[in-house]
C-alpha atoms as a PDB file:
ATOM      1  CA  MET A   1     106.104 121.330-151.637  1.00  0.00           C
ATOM      2  CA  GLY A   2     106.208 123.406-154.844  1.00  0.00           C
ATOM      3  CA  PRO A   3     103.423 125.633-156.193  1.00  0.00           C
ATOM      4  CA  LEU A   4     102.176 122.987-158.621  1.00  0.00           C
ATOM      5  CA  VAL A   5     102.031 120.338-155.891  1.00  0.00           C
ATOM      6  CA  LEU A   6      99.974 122.675-153.703  1.00  0.00           C
ATOM      7  CA  ASP A   7      97.581 123.286-156.610  1.00  0.00           C
ATOM      8  CA  VAL A   8      97.192 119.543-157.199  1.00  0.00           C
ATOM      9  CA  VAL A   9      96.666 118.722-153.507  1.00  0.00           C
ATOM     10  CA  THR A  10      94.056 121.469-153.198  1.00  0.00           C
ATOM     11  CA  GLY A  11      92.300 120.225-156.341  1.00  0.00           C
ATOM     12  CA  LEU A  12      92.225 116.668-155.005  1.00  0.00           C
ATOM     13  CA  LEU A  13      90.730 117.858-151.717  1.00  0.00           C
ATOM     14  CA  VAL A  14      88.057 119.779-153.626  1.00  0.00           C
ATOM     15  CA  LEU A  15      87.178 116.624-155.605  1.00  0.00           C
ATOM     16  CA  ILE A  16      87.078 114.570-152.399  1.00  0.00           C
ATOM     17  CA  VAL A  17      84.644 117.080-150.888  1.00  0.00           C
ATOM     18  CA  ALA A  18      82.539 117.137-154.070  1.00  0.00           C
ATOM     19  CA  TRP A  19      82.024 113.365-154.077  1.00  0.00           C
ATOM     20  CA  GLY A  20      82.088 112.674-150.349  1.00  0.00           C
ATOM     21  CA  GLY A  21      79.399 112.702-147.721  1.00  0.00           C
ATOM     22  CA  VAL A  22      79.021 114.525-144.419  1.00  0.00           C
ATOM     23  CA  PRO A  23      81.900 112.780-142.587  1.00  0.00           C
ATOM     24  CA  VAL A  24      84.271 113.496-145.476  1.00  0.00           C
ATOM     25  CA  ALA A  25      83.342 117.184-145.646  1.00  0.00           C
ATOM     26  CA  LEU A  26      83.682 117.464-141.877  1.00  0.00           C
ATOM     27  CA  ALA A  27      87.088 115.759-141.931  1.00  0.00           C
ATOM     28  CA  VAL A  28      88.383 118.091-144.661  1.00  0.00           C
ATOM     29  CA  LEU A  29      87.066 121.125-142.780  1.00  0.00           C
ATOM     30  CA  ALA A  30      88.706 119.995-139.530  1.00  0.00           C
ATOM     31  CA  GLY A  31      91.987 119.293-141.288  1.00  0.00           C
ATOM     32  CA  ASP A  32      91.831 122.661-143.009  1.00  0.00           C
ATOM     33  CA  ILE A  33      91.316 124.517-139.733  1.00  0.00           C
ATOM     34  CA  LEU A  34      94.098 122.743-137.854  1.00  0.00           C
ATOM     35  CA  LEU A  35      96.688 121.989-140.533  1.00  0.00           C
ATOM     36  CA  ILE A  36      96.512 124.635-143.273  1.00  0.00           C
ATOM     37  CA  PRO A  37      97.792 128.178-142.554  1.00  0.00           C
ATOM     38  CA  ASP A  38      95.112 130.812-143.176  1.00  0.00           C
ATOM     39  CA  GLN A  39      97.353 133.016-145.309  1.00  0.00           C
ATOM     40  CA  LEU A  40      98.502 130.270-147.678  1.00  0.00           C
ATOM     41  CA  VAL A  41      97.352 131.432-151.123  1.00  0.00           C
ATOM     42  CA  LEU A  42      96.615 129.077-153.998  1.00  0.00           C
ATOM     43  CA  PRO A  43      99.727 129.722-156.161  1.00  0.00           C
ATOM     44  CA  HIS A  44      98.087 130.074-159.578  1.00  0.00           C
ATOM     45  CA  ALA A  45      94.815 131.673-158.477  1.00  0.00           C
ATOM     46  CA  HIS A  46      96.143 135.215-159.101  1.00  0.00           C
ATOM     47  CA  SER A  47      94.191 136.577-156.124  1.00  0.00           C
ATOM     48  CA  SER A  48      95.237 136.980-152.497  1.00  0.00           C
ATOM     49  CA  TYR A  49      91.661 136.228-151.457  1.00  0.00           C
ATOM     50  CA  LEU A  50      91.774 132.728-152.937  1.00  0.00           C
ATOM     51  CA  THR A  51      93.695 131.097-150.128  1.00  0.00           C
ATOM     52  CA  VAL A  52      93.728 127.316-149.888  1.00  0.00           C
ATOM     53  CA  SER A  53      91.400 127.556-146.886  1.00  0.00           C
ATOM     54  CA  ASN A  54      88.926 129.807-148.715  1.00  0.00           C
ATOM     55  CA  VAL A  55      88.891 127.519-151.782  1.00  0.00           C
ATOM     56  CA  LEU A  56      88.173 124.482-149.602  1.00  0.00           C
ATOM     57  CA  LEU A  57      85.560 126.472-147.692  1.00  0.00           C
ATOM     58  CA  ILE A  58      83.775 127.364-150.939  1.00  0.00           C
ATOM     59  CA  ALA A  59      83.868 123.712-152.027  1.00  0.00           C
ATOM     60  CA  ILE A  60      82.417 122.552-148.695  1.00  0.00           C
ATOM     61  CA  ALA A  61      79.725 125.265-148.813  1.00  0.00           C
ATOM     62  CA  LEU A  62      78.684 124.180-152.328  1.00  0.00           C
ATOM     63  CA  ARG A  63      78.637 120.532-151.246  1.00  0.00           C
ATOM     64  CA  VAL A  64      76.475 121.322-148.216  1.00  0.00           C
ATOM     65  CA  ALA A  65      74.128 123.373-150.428  1.00  0.00           C
ATOM     66  CA  ALA A  66      73.856 120.441-152.866  1.00  0.00           C
ATOM     67  CA  MET A  67      73.108 117.998-150.045  1.00  0.00           C
ATOM     68  CA  LEU A  68      70.456 120.329-148.634  1.00  0.00           C
ATOM     69  CA  ARG A  69      68.817 120.643-152.041  1.00  0.00           C
ATOM     70  CA  SER A  70      68.815 116.899-152.659  1.00  0.00           C
ATOM     71  CA  GLY A  71      67.463 116.116-149.213  1.00  0.00           C
ATOM     72  CA  GLN A  72      70.612 114.388-147.988  1.00  0.00           C
ATOM     73  CA  LEU A  73      70.745 116.995-145.231  1.00  0.00           C
ATOM     74  CA  ASP A  74      67.822 118.177-143.146  1.00  0.00           C
ATOM     75  CA  ARG A  75      67.358 121.935-143.391  1.00  0.00           C
ATOM     76  CA  ARG A  76      66.912 122.029-139.623  1.00  0.00           C
ATOM     77  CA  VAL A  77      70.688 121.730-139.254  1.00  0.00           C
ATOM     78  CA  LEU A  78      70.790 125.441-140.098  1.00  0.00           C
ATOM     79  CA  THR A  79      68.282 126.416-137.401  1.00  0.00           C
ATOM     80  CA  ALA A  80      69.536 129.315-135.290  1.00  0.00           C
ATOM     81  CA  THR A  81      70.654 128.556-131.735  1.00  0.00           C
ATOM     82  CA  PRO A  82      72.002 130.667-128.853  1.00  0.00           C
ATOM     83  CA  MET A  83      75.474 129.878-130.247  1.00  0.00           C
ATOM     84  CA  HIS A  84      74.536 131.647-133.489  1.00  0.00           C
ATOM     85  CA  ILE A  85      73.357 134.693-131.541  1.00  0.00           C
ATOM     86  CA  ALA A  86      76.568 134.793-129.512  1.00  0.00           C
ATOM     87  CA  LEU A  87      78.609 134.561-132.708  1.00  0.00           C
ATOM     88  CA  ALA A  88      76.587 137.356-134.327  1.00  0.00           C
ATOM     89  CA  LEU A  89      77.254 139.659-131.369  1.00  0.00           C
ATOM     90  CA  LEU A  90      80.954 138.797-131.462  1.00  0.00           C
ATOM     91  CA  VAL A  91      81.179 139.499-135.199  1.00  0.00           C
ATOM     92  CA  VAL A  92      79.482 142.874-134.758  1.00  0.00           C
ATOM     93  CA  VAL A  93      81.975 143.827-132.047  1.00  0.00           C
ATOM     94  CA  TRP A  94      84.907 142.692-134.172  1.00  0.00           C
ATOM     95  CA  ALA A  95      83.613 144.529-137.236  1.00  0.00           C
ATOM     96  CA  VAL A  96      83.183 147.759-135.282  1.00  0.00           C
ATOM     97  CA  ALA A  97      86.549 147.474-133.518  1.00  0.00           C
ATOM     98  CA  GLY A  98      88.530 146.246-136.495  1.00  0.00           C
ATOM     99  CA  VAL A  99      86.954 148.257-139.312  1.00  0.00           C
ATOM    100  CA  VAL A 100      84.918 151.225-138.074  1.00  0.00           C
ATOM    101  CA  PHE A 101      87.479 152.209-135.441  1.00  0.00           C
ATOM    102  CA  ALA A 102      90.504 151.004-137.375  1.00  0.00           C
ATOM    103  CA  PRO A 103      93.601 153.269-137.246  1.00  0.00           C
ATOM    104  CA  GLU A 104      93.650 156.072-139.788  1.00  0.00           C
ATOM    105  CA  SER A 105      96.706 154.492-141.364  1.00  0.00           C
ATOM    106  CA  ALA A 106      94.678 151.407-142.312  1.00  0.00           C
ATOM    107  CA  THR A 107      94.003 151.214-146.035  1.00  0.00           C
ATOM    108  CA  PRO A 108      90.639 150.269-147.612  1.00  0.00           C
ATOM    109  CA  LEU A 109      92.326 147.106-148.898  1.00  0.00           C
ATOM    110  CA  VAL A 110      93.235 146.068-145.348  1.00  0.00           C
ATOM    111  CA  GLU A 111      89.695 146.767-144.152  1.00  0.00           C
ATOM    112  CA  LYS A 112      88.269 144.773-147.061  1.00  0.00           C
ATOM    113  CA  PHE A 113      90.546 141.855-146.225  1.00  0.00           C
ATOM    114  CA  ARG A 114      89.398 141.989-142.593  1.00  0.00           C
ATOM    115  CA  MET A 115      85.770 141.800-143.685  1.00  0.00           C
ATOM    116  CA  VAL A 116      86.552 138.790-145.870  1.00  0.00           C
ATOM    117  CA  GLN A 117      88.207 137.145-142.858  1.00  0.00           C
ATOM    118  CA  LEU A 118      85.104 137.788-140.750  1.00  0.00           C
ATOM    119  CA  ALA A 119      82.863 136.337-143.472  1.00  0.00           C
ATOM    120  CA  ALA A 120      85.077 133.239-143.719  1.00  0.00           C
ATOM    121  CA  MET A 121      84.988 132.781-139.957  1.00  0.00           C
ATOM    122  CA  VAL A 122      81.173 132.940-139.943  1.00  0.00           C
ATOM    123  CA  ALA A 123      81.029 130.451-142.823  1.00  0.00           C
ATOM    124  CA  VAL A 124      83.316 128.025-140.983  1.00  0.00           C
ATOM    125  CA  PHE A 125      81.110 128.213-137.906  1.00  0.00           C
ATOM    126  CA  LEU A 126      77.832 127.677-139.811  1.00  0.00           C
ATOM    127  CA  LEU A 127      79.198 124.843-141.941  1.00  0.00           C
ATOM    128  CA  ALA A 128      80.946 123.077-139.065  1.00  0.00           C
ATOM    129  CA  LEU A 129      77.866 123.218-136.860  1.00  0.00           C
ATOM    130  CA  ALA A 130      75.581 122.016-139.676  1.00  0.00           C
ATOM    131  CA  LEU A 131      77.893 119.114-140.495  1.00  0.00           C
ATOM    132  CA  LEU A 132      78.279 118.171-136.829  1.00  0.00           C
ATOM    133  CA  ARG A 133      74.497 118.103-136.436  1.00  0.00           C
ATOM    134  CA  SER A 134      74.216 115.852-139.461  1.00  0.00           C
ATOM    135  CA  CYS A 135      77.075 113.466-138.703  1.00  0.00           C
ATOM    136  CA  ASP A 136      75.817 110.186-137.248  1.00  0.00           C
ATOM    137  CA  ARG A 137      79.380 109.077-136.417  1.00  0.00           C
ATOM    138  CA  PRO A 138      80.559 111.453-133.677  1.00  0.00           C
ATOM    139  CA  TRP A 139      83.532 109.272-132.766  1.00  0.00           C
ATOM    140  CA  LEU A 140      84.787 109.611-136.324  1.00  0.00           C
ATOM    141  CA  THR A 141      84.784 113.379-135.861  1.00  0.00           C
ATOM    142  CA  GLY A 142      86.639 113.010-132.573  1.00  0.00           C
ATOM    143  CA  GLY A 143      89.181 110.727-134.191  1.00  0.00           C
ATOM    144  CA  VAL A 144      89.774 113.165-137.063  1.00  0.00           C
ATOM    145  CA  LEU A 145      90.307 116.078-134.686  1.00  0.00           C
ATOM    146  CA  THR A 146      92.599 114.015-132.473  1.00  0.00           C
ATOM    147  CA  THR A 147      94.682 112.897-135.462  1.00  0.00           C
ATOM    148  CA  ALA A 148      94.970 116.464-136.748  1.00  0.00           C
ATOM    149  CA  LEU A 149      95.930 117.631-133.247  1.00  0.00           C
ATOM    150  CA  ALA A 150      98.670 114.990-133.053  1.00  0.00           C
ATOM    151  CA  ALA A 151      99.960 116.098-136.465  1.00  0.00           C
ATOM    152  CA  THR A 152     100.219 119.723-135.313  1.00  0.00           C
ATOM    153  CA  ALA A 153     102.049 118.602-132.165  1.00  0.00           C
ATOM    154  CA  VAL A 154     104.561 116.568-134.195  1.00  0.00           C
ATOM    155  CA  ILE A 155     105.168 119.600-136.434  1.00  0.00           C
ATOM    156  CA  ALA A 156     105.751 121.766-133.346  1.00  0.00           C
ATOM    157  CA  ILE A 157     108.186 119.245-131.843  1.00  0.00           C
ATOM    158  CA  VAL A 158     110.134 119.110-135.124  1.00  0.00           C
ATOM    159  CA  GLU A 159     110.240 122.922-135.090  1.00  0.00           C
ATOM    160  CA  HIS A 160     111.739 122.816-131.610  1.00  0.00           C
ATOM    161  CA  ALA A 161     114.351 120.295-132.705  1.00  0.00           C
ATOM    162  CA  THR A 162     115.338 122.135-135.892  1.00  0.00           C
ATOM    163  CA  GLY A 163     114.691 125.764-134.952  1.00  0.00           C
ATOM    164  CA  SER A 164     112.946 126.200-138.298  1.00  0.00           C
ATOM    165  CA  ALA A 165     109.309 127.282-138.708  1.00  0.00           C
ATOM    166  CA  PHE A 166     107.122 124.854-140.653  1.00  0.00           C
ATOM    167  CA  THR A 167     104.971 127.637-142.108  1.00  0.00           C
ATOM    168  CA  GLN A 168     108.043 129.606-143.181  1.00  0.00           C
ATOM    169  CA  ARG A 169     109.353 126.656-145.172  1.00  0.00           C
ATOM    170  CA  LEU A 170     105.892 126.021-146.613  1.00  0.00           C
ATOM    171  CA  PHE A 171     105.476 129.619-147.777  1.00  0.00           C
ATOM    172  CA  LEU A 172     108.951 129.826-149.253  1.00  0.00           C
ATOM    173  CA  ASP A 173     108.659 126.461-151.027  1.00  0.00           C
ATOM    174  CA  THR A 174     105.374 127.516-152.641  1.00  0.00           C
ATOM    175  CA  GLY A 175     106.682 130.914-153.737  1.00  0.00           C
ATOM    176  CA  GLN A 176     104.558 132.923-151.320  1.00  0.00           C
ATOM    177  CA  ALA A 177     105.291 136.524-150.402  1.00  0.00           C
ATOM    178  CA  ALA A 178     107.966 136.826-147.735  1.00  0.00           C
ATOM    179  CA  ASN A 179     105.940 139.498-145.908  1.00  0.00           C
ATOM    180  CA  ALA A 180     103.170 137.072-144.964  1.00  0.00           C
ATOM    181  CA  PHE A 181     103.021 136.837-141.181  1.00  0.00           C
ATOM    182  CA  SER A 182     103.181 133.050-141.239  1.00  0.00           C
ATOM    183  CA  ALA A 183     106.336 133.186-143.394  1.00  0.00           C
ATOM    184  CA  HIS A 184     108.401 134.689-140.589  1.00  0.00           C
ATOM    185  CA  PRO A 185     110.965 132.684-138.582  1.00  0.00           C
ATOM    186  CA  LEU A 186     110.123 131.374-135.123  1.00  0.00           C
ATOM    187  CA  GLU A 187     109.858 134.135-132.536  1.00  0.00           C
ATOM    188  CA  PRO A 188     112.288 133.936-129.599  1.00  0.00           C
ATOM    189  CA  ARG A 189     111.499 134.349-125.912  1.00  0.00           C
ATOM    190  CA  ALA A 190     114.307 134.477-123.370  1.00  0.00           C
ATOM    191  CA  GLY A 191     116.696 132.965-125.890  1.00  0.00           C
ATOM    192  CA  HIS A 192     114.413 130.057-126.861  1.00  0.00           C
ATOM    193  CA  ASP A 193     112.457 129.643-130.097  1.00  0.00           C
ATOM    194  CA  ARG A 194     108.690 129.512-129.607  1.00  0.00           C
ATOM    195  CA  VAL A 195     107.096 126.798-131.734  1.00  0.00           C
ATOM    196  CA  ARG A 196     103.888 127.683-133.551  1.00  0.00           C
ATOM    197  CA  SER A 197     103.174 124.611-135.737  1.00  0.00           C
ATOM    198  CA  THR A 198     100.595 125.587-138.402  1.00  0.00           C
ATOM    199  CA  ALA A 199      99.346 128.703-136.593  1.00  0.00           C
ATOM    200  CA  GLU A 200     100.416 132.286-137.239  1.00  0.00           C
ATOM    201  CA  PHE A 201     102.079 132.718-133.852  1.00  0.00           C
ATOM    202  CA  ALA A 202     102.911 130.703-130.753  1.00  0.00           C
ATOM    203  CA  LEU A 203     100.086 131.894-128.512  1.00  0.00           C
ATOM    204  CA  ALA A 204      97.513 131.089-131.200  1.00  0.00           C
ATOM    205  CA  TYR A 205      98.769 127.518-131.511  1.00  0.00           C
ATOM    206  CA  GLY A 206      98.854 127.104-127.737  1.00  0.00           C
ATOM    207  CA  TRP A 207      95.196 127.993-127.382  1.00  0.00           C
ATOM    208  CA  ILE A 208      94.095 126.038-130.453  1.00  0.00           C
ATOM    209  CA  ALA A 209      95.725 122.973-128.913  1.00  0.00           C
ATOM    210  CA  VAL A 210      94.087 123.631-125.543  1.00  0.00           C
ATOM    211  CA  MET A 211      90.665 123.789-127.214  1.00  0.00           C
ATOM    212  CA  VAL A 212      91.092 120.466-129.039  1.00  0.00           C
ATOM    213  CA  VAL A 213      92.678 118.502-126.172  1.00  0.00           C
ATOM    214  CA  PRO A 214      89.274 117.866-124.471  1.00  0.00           C
ATOM    215  CA  VAL A 215      88.124 116.131-127.674  1.00  0.00           C
ATOM    216  CA  ALA A 216      91.173 113.853-127.533  1.00  0.00           C
ATOM    217  CA  ILE A 217      90.463 113.114-123.872  1.00  0.00           C
ATOM    218  CA  ALA A 218      86.858 112.273-124.770  1.00  0.00           C
ATOM    219  CA  VAL A 219      88.209 109.741-127.273  1.00  0.00           C
ATOM    220  CA  VAL A 220      90.394 108.251-124.517  1.00  0.00           C
ATOM    221  CA  ILE A 221      87.389 107.856-122.238  1.00  0.00           C
ATOM    222  CA  GLY A 222      84.739 106.865-124.748  1.00  0.00           C
ATOM    223  CA  ARG A 223      86.411 104.446-127.125  1.00  0.00           C
ATOM    224  CA  ARG A 224      86.684 100.764-126.320  1.00  0.00           C
ATOM    225  CA  ARG A 225      89.407  99.853-128.788  1.00  0.00           C
ATOM    226  CA  VAL A 226      92.795  99.902-127.115  1.00  0.00           C
ATOM    227  CA  LEU A 227      94.407 101.300-130.276  1.00  0.00           C
ATOM    228  CA  ASP A 228      92.026 104.281-130.385  1.00  0.00           C
ATOM    229  CA  ARG A 229      92.491 105.079-126.723  1.00  0.00           C
ATOM    230  CA  SER A 230      96.261 104.660-126.827  1.00  0.00           C
ATOM    231  CA  SER A 231      96.572 106.840-129.926  1.00  0.00           C
ATOM    232  CA  ALA A 232      94.475 109.586-128.347  1.00  0.00           C
ATOM    233  CA  LEU A 233      96.523 109.399-125.149  1.00  0.00           C
ATOM    234  CA  VAL A 234      99.748 109.763-127.161  1.00  0.00           C
ATOM    235  CA  ALA A 235      98.217 112.757-128.951  1.00  0.00           C
ATOM    236  CA  VAL A 236      97.474 114.408-125.604  1.00  0.00           C
ATOM    237  CA  GLY A 237     101.025 113.788-124.393  1.00  0.00           C
ATOM    238  CA  LEU A 238     102.611 115.165-127.566  1.00  0.00           C
ATOM    239  CA  THR A 239     100.347 118.212-127.407  1.00  0.00           C
ATOM    240  CA  ALA A 240     101.328 118.914-123.803  1.00  0.00           C
ATOM    241  CA  VAL A 241     104.999 118.937-124.819  1.00  0.00           C
ATOM    242  CA  ALA A 242     104.273 121.160-127.833  1.00  0.00           C
ATOM    243  CA  VAL A 243     102.249 123.628-125.767  1.00  0.00           C
ATOM    244  CA  TYR A 244     105.104 123.925-123.286  1.00  0.00           C
ATOM    245  CA  TRP A 245     107.533 124.754-126.093  1.00  0.00           C
ATOM    246  CA  THR A 246     105.267 127.570-127.271  1.00  0.00           C
ATOM    247  CA  TYR A 247     106.271 129.240-123.975  1.00  0.00           C
ATOM    248  CA  ALA A 248     102.758 130.693-123.916  1.00  0.00           C
ATOM    249  CA  ARG A 249     102.025 131.322-120.256  1.00  0.00           C
ATOM    250  CA  SER A 250      98.236 131.397-120.466  1.00  0.00           C
ATOM    251  CA  ALA A 251      98.068 128.221-122.562  1.00  0.00           C
ATOM    252  CA  ALA A 252     100.465 126.441-120.189  1.00  0.00           C
ATOM    253  CA  VAL A 253      98.067 127.164-117.320  1.00  0.00           C
ATOM    254  CA  ALA A 254      94.932 126.439-119.346  1.00  0.00           C
ATOM    255  CA  LEU A 255      96.001 122.992-120.544  1.00  0.00           C
ATOM    256  CA  PRO A 256      96.071 121.219-117.135  1.00  0.00           C
ATOM    257  CA  ALA A 257      92.976 123.212-116.154  1.00  0.00           C
ATOM    258  CA  ALA A 258      91.174 121.843-119.224  1.00  0.00           C
ATOM    259  CA  VAL A 259      92.189 118.284-118.326  1.00  0.00           C
ATOM    260  CA  VAL A 260      90.857 118.712-114.778  1.00  0.00           C
ATOM    261  CA  LEU A 261      87.626 120.297-116.030  1.00  0.00           C
ATOM    262  CA  VAL A 262      86.950 117.463-118.477  1.00  0.00           C
ATOM    263  CA  ALA A 263      87.638 114.957-115.694  1.00  0.00           C
ATOM    264  CA  LEU A 264      85.153 116.687-113.392  1.00  0.00           C
ATOM    265  CA  LEU A 265      82.485 116.804-116.098  1.00  0.00           C
ATOM    266  CA  SER A 266      83.016 113.141-116.993  1.00  0.00           C
ATOM    267  CA  ARG A 267      82.547 112.025-113.377  1.00  0.00           C
ATOM    268  CA  ARG A 268      84.747 109.016-114.049  1.00  0.00           C
ATOM    269  CA  ARG A 269      86.804 107.960-111.088  1.00  0.00           C
ATOM    270  CA  ALA A 270      89.799 106.774-113.108  1.00  0.00           C
ATOM    271  CA  LEU A 271      89.946 110.022-115.081  1.00  0.00           C
ATOM    272  CA  LEU A 272      89.529 112.100-111.940  1.00  0.00           C
ATOM    273  CA  ILE A 273      92.480 110.294-110.340  1.00  0.00           C
ATOM    274  CA  ALA A 274      94.568 110.697-113.496  1.00  0.00           C
ATOM    275  CA  ALA A 275      93.706 114.404-113.744  1.00  0.00           C
ATOM    276  CA  GLY A 276      94.597 114.898-110.096  1.00  0.00           C
ATOM    277  CA  VAL A 277      97.950 113.209-110.637  1.00  0.00           C
ATOM    278  CA  VAL A 278      98.594 115.401-113.704  1.00  0.00           C
ATOM    279  CA  ALA A 279      97.718 118.573-111.809  1.00  0.00           C
ATOM    280  CA  VAL A 280      99.892 117.702-108.817  1.00  0.00           C
ATOM    281  CA  ALA A 281     102.772 116.623-111.066  1.00  0.00           C
ATOM    282  CA  ALA A 282     102.544 119.895-113.013  1.00  0.00           C
ATOM    283  CA  ILE A 283     102.691 121.936-109.792  1.00  0.00           C
ATOM    284  CA  VAL A 284     105.629 119.930-108.440  1.00  0.00           C
ATOM    285  CA  VAL A 285     107.589 120.200-111.695  1.00  0.00           C
ATOM    286  CA  VAL A 286     107.041 123.957-111.883  1.00  0.00           C
ATOM    287  CA  GLU A 287     108.078 124.403-108.271  1.00  0.00           C
ATOM    288  CA  LEU A 288     111.225 122.285-108.564  1.00  0.00           C
ATOM    289  CA  ASP A 289     112.456 123.290-112.023  1.00  0.00           C
ATOM    290  CA  PRO A 290     113.839 126.855-112.142  1.00  0.00           C
ATOM    291  CA  VAL A 291     113.980 126.715-115.958  1.00  0.00           C
ATOM    292  CA  ILE A 292     110.213 126.214-116.225  1.00  0.00           C
ATOM    293  CA  GLN A 293     109.648 128.908-113.599  1.00  0.00           C
ATOM    294  CA  HIS A 294     111.719 131.242-115.730  1.00  0.00           C
ATOM    295  CA  HIS A 295     109.771 130.456-118.897  1.00  0.00           C
ATOM    296  CA  VAL A 296     106.345 131.101-117.337  1.00  0.00           C
ATOM    297  CA  SER A 297     107.462 134.122-115.318  1.00  0.00           C
ATOM    298  CA  LEU A 298     105.724 137.421-116.134  1.00  0.00           C
ATOM    299  CA  SER A 299     109.126 139.113-115.997  1.00  0.00           C
ATOM    300  CA  VAL A 300     110.092 137.338-119.231  1.00  0.00           C
ATOM    301  CA  ASP A 301     108.931 139.341-122.258  1.00  0.00           C
ATOM    302  CA  ALA A 302     106.926 141.650-120.023  1.00  0.00           C
ATOM    303  CA  GLY A 303     106.088 143.804-123.032  1.00  0.00           C
ATOM    304  CA  SER A 304     103.582 141.296-124.436  1.00  0.00           C
ATOM    305  CA  PHE A 305     101.885 141.073-121.054  1.00  0.00           C
ATOM    306  CA  SER A 306     101.666 144.857-120.584  1.00  0.00           C
ATOM    307  CA  VAL A 307     100.202 145.325-124.072  1.00  0.00           C
ATOM    308  CA  ARG A 308      97.421 142.859-123.328  1.00  0.00           C
END
């Protein structure tokens, strides 16, 4: 994908948001979060702050504002909730830790960029929650997230097969700066490349996948169409494989735990049995396969563990 192609694709997405309704804006936002690297800059924008994600975020914000003004959206979708308060506290902590107590070597430009990142994160939260409150087709949202999750898993599996980072190729093909974090090659662990899909690093992708898997499982349980349920089940399977190849220990433990938790909350006998089988199978495989034991051992890349 060359610079001009990226410009055109971004422009088309902006037009789609401008003329679409709530489900369209929500789908673009979900796809942006899961499929577009945060540091990918719009090639001809001449500003490092105008990333593809930020441009789409501005377009979605303007569309939401227009729908609120015209009455297409109820203003109550912006009403504060305990989630907003929790986010506000988290942002304050991040701002203090990442800006006020930043290392002396940090430049004002870096601090400014961090503040822009915080503002973008808050905007994503507010817009996503408002759109989710307004969307009268929740299964469409679940389907979009599940499809995007499957796409990230396929990218990760291709990375494992080729040993080449998707984001690195994307940044180089669009003429992005080679010092962007996402433009780096795959990071190794114990002689194996750690896939990261569209995320900045392997652990980030592992946890992003873990957070979206319950949505895919909800689609498996809640949809009646065999095609929808089968597709969601395939997405879960592909994601499990991709998460393993991140070699992220915490995500590898969290994924089966998330499946079991969703099964318990659903109170569906079939899902409980399936989750139990998955959990037992995971334990047996780990116990019998010395390679997997090696990959999840704390002795491998102990430096990352000690730093945390």
